[in-house]
Amino acid sequence: ATAHIKQTDSLTGLAILAVPLDELPKEIKDEPLHYPMLGSSNNGNMLGMPVVAMGSPTGNVNSIGYGMIISASVLYSVPERNYKMLQTNIHGSENPSGVLFDLDRRIIGIITSDKTESDIENVISAYGITELRKILEKMSNGQKSAYLGISGMSVPKEVSVYYKVPSGGFVSSVDMDSPAMRAGI
């Protein structure tokens, strides 16, 4: 069947593809549809967790890699969002893609080809699924995400007290010609 692009997200490179049920071949329509469950990337015990990378982690279509999470504490900030990056010890290509699963067959990350701050070359890294869940849901339902054009970080209470600055959110940058810039932020 031919899939149609329903929506894309330029910040993550994700796309939602849809196939109308009436366009599926009869042998597929007659079978129950199976889909993977979404797990969590906010599990505090992710270090050393065994994972499976599927898709094109090695640069070849339908390839697979096995390994474990070696870092889950790095946040990648882009305008409007912060993503937890899951880094594995799985050696992949320079341009991997695909999905990171836990051993319970739940998706815990979407593999990305860049955005890693590591000295280790060609290890598979993924955006944490917990941070992507709302975006994927909106995209699946054809809804657009709000865009202000700000990048920020949280200011923990300890930092607030030490530096005598307000706690909460801190705007670290504003995109040029964004709604936030036009509003004077």
C-alpha atoms as a PDB file:
ATOM      1  CA  ALA A   1       0.000   0.000   0.000  1.00  0.00           C
ATOM      2  CA  THR A   2       1.087   3.561  -0.556  1.00  0.00           C
ATOM      3  CA  ALA A   3       1.754   5.584   2.589  1.00  0.00           C
ATOM      4  CA  HIS A   4       1.063   9.309   2.721  1.00  0.00           C
ATOM      5  CA  ILE A   5       3.012  11.782   4.848  1.00  0.00           C
ATOM      6  CA  LYS A   6       0.566  13.011   7.461  1.00  0.00           C
ATOM      7  CA  GLN A   7       2.896  15.426   9.260  1.00  0.00           C
ATOM      8  CA  THR A   8       6.586  16.153   9.780  1.00  0.00           C
ATOM      9  CA  ASP A   9       8.650  17.712  12.574  1.00  0.00           C
ATOM     10  CA  SER A  10      11.697  19.592  11.287  1.00  0.00           C
ATOM     11  CA  LEU A  11      13.439  19.731  14.695  1.00  0.00           C
ATOM     12  CA  THR A  12      13.613  15.951  15.125  1.00  0.00           C
ATOM     13  CA  GLY A  13      13.304  14.823  11.504  1.00  0.00           C
ATOM     14  CA  LEU A  14      10.304  12.669  12.451  1.00  0.00           C
ATOM     15  CA  ALA A  15       7.404  12.027  10.113  1.00  0.00           C
ATOM     16  CA  ILE A  16       4.055  10.346  10.593  1.00  0.00           C
ATOM     17  CA  LEU A  17       3.064   8.160   7.660  1.00  0.00           C
ATOM     18  CA  ALA A  18      -0.505   6.978   7.175  1.00  0.00           C
ATOM     19  CA  VAL A  19      -2.065   4.259   5.056  1.00  0.00           C
ATOM     20  CA  PRO A  20      -5.865   4.325   4.716  1.00  0.00           C
ATOM     21  CA  LEU A  21      -7.280   0.998   5.920  1.00  0.00           C
ATOM     22  CA  ASP A  22      -9.282   0.567   2.725  1.00  0.00           C
ATOM     23  CA  GLU A  23      -6.007   0.655   0.722  1.00  0.00           C
ATOM     24  CA  LEU A  24      -4.450  -2.258   2.623  1.00  0.00           C
ATOM     25  CA  PRO A  25      -4.273  -5.602   0.810  1.00  0.00           C
ATOM     26  CA  LYS A  26      -7.007  -8.058   1.845  1.00  0.00           C
ATOM     27  CA  GLU A  27      -4.578 -10.469   3.516  1.00  0.00           C
ATOM     28  CA  ILE A  28      -3.419  -7.671   5.838  1.00  0.00           C
ATOM     29  CA  LYS A  29      -6.953  -6.383   6.526  1.00  0.00           C
ATOM     30  CA  ASP A  30      -8.047  -9.819   7.677  1.00  0.00           C
ATOM     31  CA  GLU A  31      -5.293 -10.034  10.307  1.00  0.00           C
ATOM     32  CA  PRO A  32      -5.366  -8.094  13.588  1.00  0.00           C
ATOM     33  CA  LEU A  33      -3.125  -5.028  13.444  1.00  0.00           C
ATOM     34  CA  HIS A  34      -0.149  -5.126  15.818  1.00  0.00           C
ATOM     35  CA  TYR A  35       1.802  -2.099  16.898  1.00  0.00           C
ATOM     36  CA  PRO A  36       4.656  -1.567  19.346  1.00  0.00           C
ATOM     37  CA  MET A  37       3.951  -0.061  22.746  1.00  0.00           C
ATOM     38  CA  LEU A  38       5.722   3.074  23.911  1.00  0.00           C
ATOM     39  CA  GLY A  39       7.880   2.621  26.994  1.00  0.00           C
ATOM     40  CA  SER A  40       9.505   5.262  29.164  1.00  0.00           C
ATOM     41  CA  SER A  41      12.826   7.043  28.882  1.00  0.00           C
ATOM     42  CA  ASN A  42      12.457   8.547  32.364  1.00  0.00           C
ATOM     43  CA  ASN A  43      13.284   5.344  34.201  1.00  0.00           C
ATOM     44  CA  GLY A  44      15.929   6.310  36.765  1.00  0.00           C
ATOM     45  CA  ASN A  45      17.736   2.976  36.321  1.00  0.00           C
ATOM     46  CA  MET A  46      18.505   3.158  32.598  1.00  0.00           C
ATOM     47  CA  LEU A  47      22.296   2.866  32.818  1.00  0.00           C
ATOM     48  CA  GLY A  48      23.295  -0.621  31.769  1.00  0.00           C
ATOM     49  CA  MET A  49      19.785  -1.420  30.474  1.00  0.00           C
ATOM     50  CA  PRO A  50      19.952  -3.876  27.554  1.00  0.00           C
ATOM     51  CA  VAL A  51      18.481  -2.426  24.355  1.00  0.00           C
ATOM     52  CA  VAL A  52      17.882  -3.375  20.741  1.00  0.00           C
ATOM     53  CA  ALA A  53      18.326  -0.907  17.860  1.00  0.00           C
ATOM     54  CA  MET A  54      16.192  -1.740  14.812  1.00  0.00           C
ATOM     55  CA  GLY A  55      15.676  -0.053  11.476  1.00  0.00           C
ATOM     56  CA  SER A  56      18.906   1.165   9.907  1.00  0.00           C
ATOM     57  CA  PRO A  57      21.322   1.543  12.838  1.00  0.00           C
ATOM     58  CA  THR A  58      24.200   0.202  10.744  1.00  0.00           C
ATOM     59  CA  GLY A  59      23.210   2.224   7.691  1.00  0.00           C
ATOM     60  CA  ASN A  60      21.654  -0.823   6.020  1.00  0.00           C
ATOM     61  CA  VAL A  61      17.892  -1.160   5.787  1.00  0.00           C
ATOM     62  CA  ASN A  62      16.445  -3.797   8.141  1.00  0.00           C
ATOM     63  CA  SER A  63      19.573  -4.020  10.292  1.00  0.00           C
ATOM     64  CA  ILE A  64      19.704  -4.595  14.032  1.00  0.00           C
ATOM     65  CA  GLY A  65      22.124  -3.954  16.893  1.00  0.00           C
ATOM     66  CA  TYR A  66      22.259  -5.074  20.512  1.00  0.00           C
ATOM     67  CA  GLY A  67      23.850  -3.300  23.446  1.00  0.00           C
ATOM     68  CA  MET A  68      23.084  -1.262  26.516  1.00  0.00           C
ATOM     69  CA  ILE A  69      22.428   2.305  27.615  1.00  0.00           C
ATOM     70  CA  ILE A  70      25.706   3.966  28.622  1.00  0.00           C
ATOM     71  CA  SER A  71      24.350   7.489  29.221  1.00  0.00           C
ATOM     72  CA  ALA A  72      20.874   8.846  29.807  1.00  0.00           C
ATOM     73  CA  SER A  73      21.572  12.153  31.521  1.00  0.00           C
ATOM     74  CA  VAL A  74      22.307  14.469  28.587  1.00  0.00           C
ATOM     75  CA  LEU A  75      19.590  16.909  27.572  1.00  0.00           C
ATOM     76  CA  TYR A  76      19.503  18.241  24.027  1.00  0.00           C
ATOM     77  CA  SER A  77      17.820  21.644  23.842  1.00  0.00           C
ATOM     78  CA  VAL A  78      16.105  23.009  20.764  1.00  0.00           C
ATOM     79  CA  PRO A  79      13.567  25.827  20.543  1.00  0.00           C
ATOM     80  CA  GLU A  80      10.454  24.900  22.529  1.00  0.00           C
ATOM     81  CA  ARG A  81      11.743  21.522  23.711  1.00  0.00           C
ATOM     82  CA  ASN A  82      14.350  19.633  25.684  1.00  0.00           C
ATOM     83  CA  TYR A  83      15.039  16.019  24.792  1.00  0.00           C
ATOM     84  CA  LYS A  84      16.728  13.363  26.879  1.00  0.00           C
ATOM     85  CA  MET A  85      19.389  11.664  24.805  1.00  0.00           C
ATOM     86  CA  LEU A  86      19.915   7.949  25.307  1.00  0.00           C
ATOM     87  CA  GLN A  87      23.402   6.909  24.296  1.00  0.00           C
ATOM     88  CA  THR A  88      24.220   3.240  23.754  1.00  0.00           C
ATOM     89  CA  ASN A  89      27.378   1.234  23.222  1.00  0.00           C
ATOM     90  CA  ILE A  90      25.948  -0.067  19.932  1.00  0.00           C
ATOM     91  CA  HIS A  91      28.290   0.757  17.058  1.00  0.00           C
ATOM     92  CA  GLY A  92      26.371   2.104  14.085  1.00  0.00           C
ATOM     93  CA  SER A  93      26.811   4.088  10.916  1.00  0.00           C
ATOM     94  CA  GLU A  94      27.336   7.832  10.637  1.00  0.00           C
ATOM     95  CA  ASN A  95      23.709   8.155   9.495  1.00  0.00           C
ATOM     96  CA  PRO A  96      21.697   5.687  11.563  1.00  0.00           C
ATOM     97  CA  SER A  97      17.934   5.697  11.841  1.00  0.00           C
ATOM     98  CA  GLY A  98      15.352   3.538  13.483  1.00  0.00           C
ATOM     99  CA  VAL A  99      13.963   2.766  16.892  1.00  0.00           C
ATOM    100  CA  LEU A 100      15.470   1.758  20.230  1.00  0.00           C
ATOM    101  CA  PHE A 101      13.563  -0.983  22.088  1.00  0.00           C
ATOM    102  CA  ASP A 102      13.879  -2.360  25.607  1.00  0.00           C
ATOM    103  CA  LEU A 103      13.740  -6.113  26.187  1.00  0.00           C
ATOM    104  CA  ASP A 104       9.977  -5.915  26.808  1.00  0.00           C
ATOM    105  CA  ARG A 105       9.570  -4.825  23.137  1.00  0.00           C
ATOM    106  CA  ARG A 106       8.606  -1.265  24.094  1.00  0.00           C
ATOM    107  CA  ILE A 107       9.954   1.713  22.151  1.00  0.00           C
ATOM    108  CA  ILE A 108      12.146   3.811  24.443  1.00  0.00           C
ATOM    109  CA  GLY A 109      13.830   6.028  21.849  1.00  0.00           C
ATOM    110  CA  ILE A 110      13.981   7.231  18.263  1.00  0.00           C
ATOM    111  CA  ILE A 111      17.501   6.906  16.831  1.00  0.00           C
ATOM    112  CA  THR A 112      19.129  10.105  15.642  1.00  0.00           C
ATOM    113  CA  SER A 113      22.236  10.615  13.531  1.00  0.00           C
ATOM    114  CA  ASP A 114      23.502  13.697  15.291  1.00  0.00           C
ATOM    115  CA  LYS A 115      23.062  15.683  18.472  1.00  0.00           C
ATOM    116  CA  THR A 116      25.511  13.612  20.530  1.00  0.00           C
ATOM    117  CA  GLU A 117      28.215  15.246  22.620  1.00  0.00           C
ATOM    118  CA  SER A 118      30.495  12.237  22.907  1.00  0.00           C
ATOM    119  CA  ASP A 119      34.078  11.465  22.015  1.00  0.00           C
ATOM    120  CA  ILE A 120      32.973   7.970  21.014  1.00  0.00           C
ATOM    121  CA  GLU A 121      32.331   7.918  17.274  1.00  0.00           C
ATOM    122  CA  ASN A 122      29.403   6.150  15.624  1.00  0.00           C
ATOM    123  CA  VAL A 123      27.589   5.020  18.741  1.00  0.00           C
ATOM    124  CA  ILE A 124      23.817   4.851  18.477  1.00  0.00           C
ATOM    125  CA  SER A 125      22.006   7.674  20.270  1.00  0.00           C
ATOM    126  CA  ALA A 126      18.271   8.234  20.485  1.00  0.00           C
ATOM    127  CA  TYR A 127      15.797  10.876  21.574  1.00  0.00           C
ATOM    128  CA  GLY A 128      13.989   9.581  24.675  1.00  0.00           C
ATOM    129  CA  ILE A 129      10.429   8.497  23.861  1.00  0.00           C
ATOM    130  CA  THR A 130       8.922  10.142  26.943  1.00  0.00           C
ATOM    131  CA  GLU A 131       9.890  13.572  25.616  1.00  0.00           C
ATOM    132  CA  LEU A 132       8.573  12.702  22.140  1.00  0.00           C
ATOM    133  CA  ARG A 133       5.252  11.179  23.246  1.00  0.00           C
ATOM    134  CA  LYS A 134       3.186  14.410  23.115  1.00  0.00           C
ATOM    135  CA  ILE A 135       4.718  15.463  19.819  1.00  0.00           C
ATOM    136  CA  LEU A 136       4.025  12.065  18.238  1.00  0.00           C
ATOM    137  CA  GLU A 137       0.444  12.160  19.508  1.00  0.00           C
ATOM    138  CA  LYS A 138      -0.156  15.636  18.070  1.00  0.00           C
ATOM    139  CA  MET A 139       1.445  14.686  14.764  1.00  0.00           C
ATOM    140  CA  SER A 140      -0.627  11.479  14.565  1.00  0.00           C
ATOM    141  CA  ASN A 141      -3.784  13.513  15.119  1.00  0.00           C
ATOM    142  CA  GLY A 142      -2.790  16.110  12.508  1.00  0.00           C
ATOM    143  CA  GLN A 143      -2.299  18.864  15.107  1.00  0.00           C
ATOM    144  CA  LYS A 144       0.467  21.440  14.939  1.00  0.00           C
ATOM    145  CA  SER A 145       2.717  22.129  17.917  1.00  0.00           C
ATOM    146  CA  ALA A 146       2.826  25.638  19.331  1.00  0.00           C
ATOM    147  CA  TYR A 147       5.926  27.596  18.384  1.00  0.00           C
ATOM    148  CA  LEU A 148       7.275  30.589  20.281  1.00  0.00           C
ATOM    149  CA  GLY A 149      10.904  30.387  19.212  1.00  0.00           C
ATOM    150  CA  ILE A 150      12.615  30.173  22.588  1.00  0.00           C
ATOM    151  CA  SER A 151      15.218  27.813  23.978  1.00  0.00           C
ATOM    152  CA  GLY A 152      15.369  27.483  27.699  1.00  0.00           C
ATOM    153  CA  MET A 153      16.430  25.527  30.690  1.00  0.00           C
ATOM    154  CA  SER A 154      15.152  25.024  34.179  1.00  0.00           C
ATOM    155  CA  VAL A 155      16.781  26.764  37.110  1.00  0.00           C
ATOM    156  CA  PRO A 156      16.775  24.380  40.096  1.00  0.00           C
ATOM    157  CA  LYS A 157      16.155  25.753  43.573  1.00  0.00           C
ATOM    158  CA  GLU A 158      19.782  25.124  44.613  1.00  0.00           C
ATOM    159  CA  VAL A 159      21.105  27.222  41.716  1.00  0.00           C
ATOM    160  CA  SER A 160      18.487  29.878  42.411  1.00  0.00           C
ATOM    161  CA  VAL A 161      19.595  30.203  46.023  1.00  0.00           C
ATOM    162  CA  TYR A 162      23.339  30.120  45.270  1.00  0.00           C
ATOM    163  CA  TYR A 163      23.256  32.700  42.446  1.00  0.00           C
ATOM    164  CA  LYS A 164      20.314  34.680  43.870  1.00  0.00           C
ATOM    165  CA  VAL A 165      18.261  34.343  40.681  1.00  0.00           C
ATOM    166  CA  PRO A 166      14.612  33.296  40.362  1.00  0.00           C
ATOM    167  CA  SER A 167      13.952  29.562  40.096  1.00  0.00           C
ATOM    168  CA  GLY A 168      11.869  28.106  37.278  1.00  0.00           C
ATOM    169  CA  GLY A 169      12.467  28.581  33.576  1.00  0.00           C
ATOM    170  CA  PHE A 170      15.325  30.557  32.039  1.00  0.00           C
ATOM    171  CA  VAL A 171      15.253  31.716  28.415  1.00  0.00           C
ATOM    172  CA  SER A 172      18.712  31.005  27.023  1.00  0.00           C
ATOM    173  CA  SER A 173      18.092  32.085  23.413  1.00  0.00           C
ATOM    174  CA  VAL A 174      15.408  33.360  21.065  1.00  0.00           C
ATOM    175  CA  ASP A 175      15.080  32.408  17.388  1.00  0.00           C
ATOM    176  CA  MET A 176      15.356  35.223  14.888  1.00  0.00           C
ATOM    177  CA  ASP A 177      12.010  36.454  13.543  1.00  0.00           C
ATOM    178  CA  SER A 178      10.082  34.195  15.921  1.00  0.00           C
ATOM    179  CA  PRO A 179       6.872  35.126  17.770  1.00  0.00           C
ATOM    180  CA  ALA A 180       8.958  35.434  20.969  1.00  0.00           C
ATOM    181  CA  MET A 181      11.376  37.904  19.340  1.00  0.00           C
ATOM    182  CA  ARG A 182       8.516  39.952  17.877  1.00  0.00           C
ATOM    183  CA  ALA A 183       6.999  40.080  21.382  1.00  0.00           C
ATOM    184  CA  GLY A 184      10.236  41.488  22.799  1.00  0.00           C
ATOM    185  CA  ILE A 185      11.548  38.446  24.661  1.00  0.00           C
END
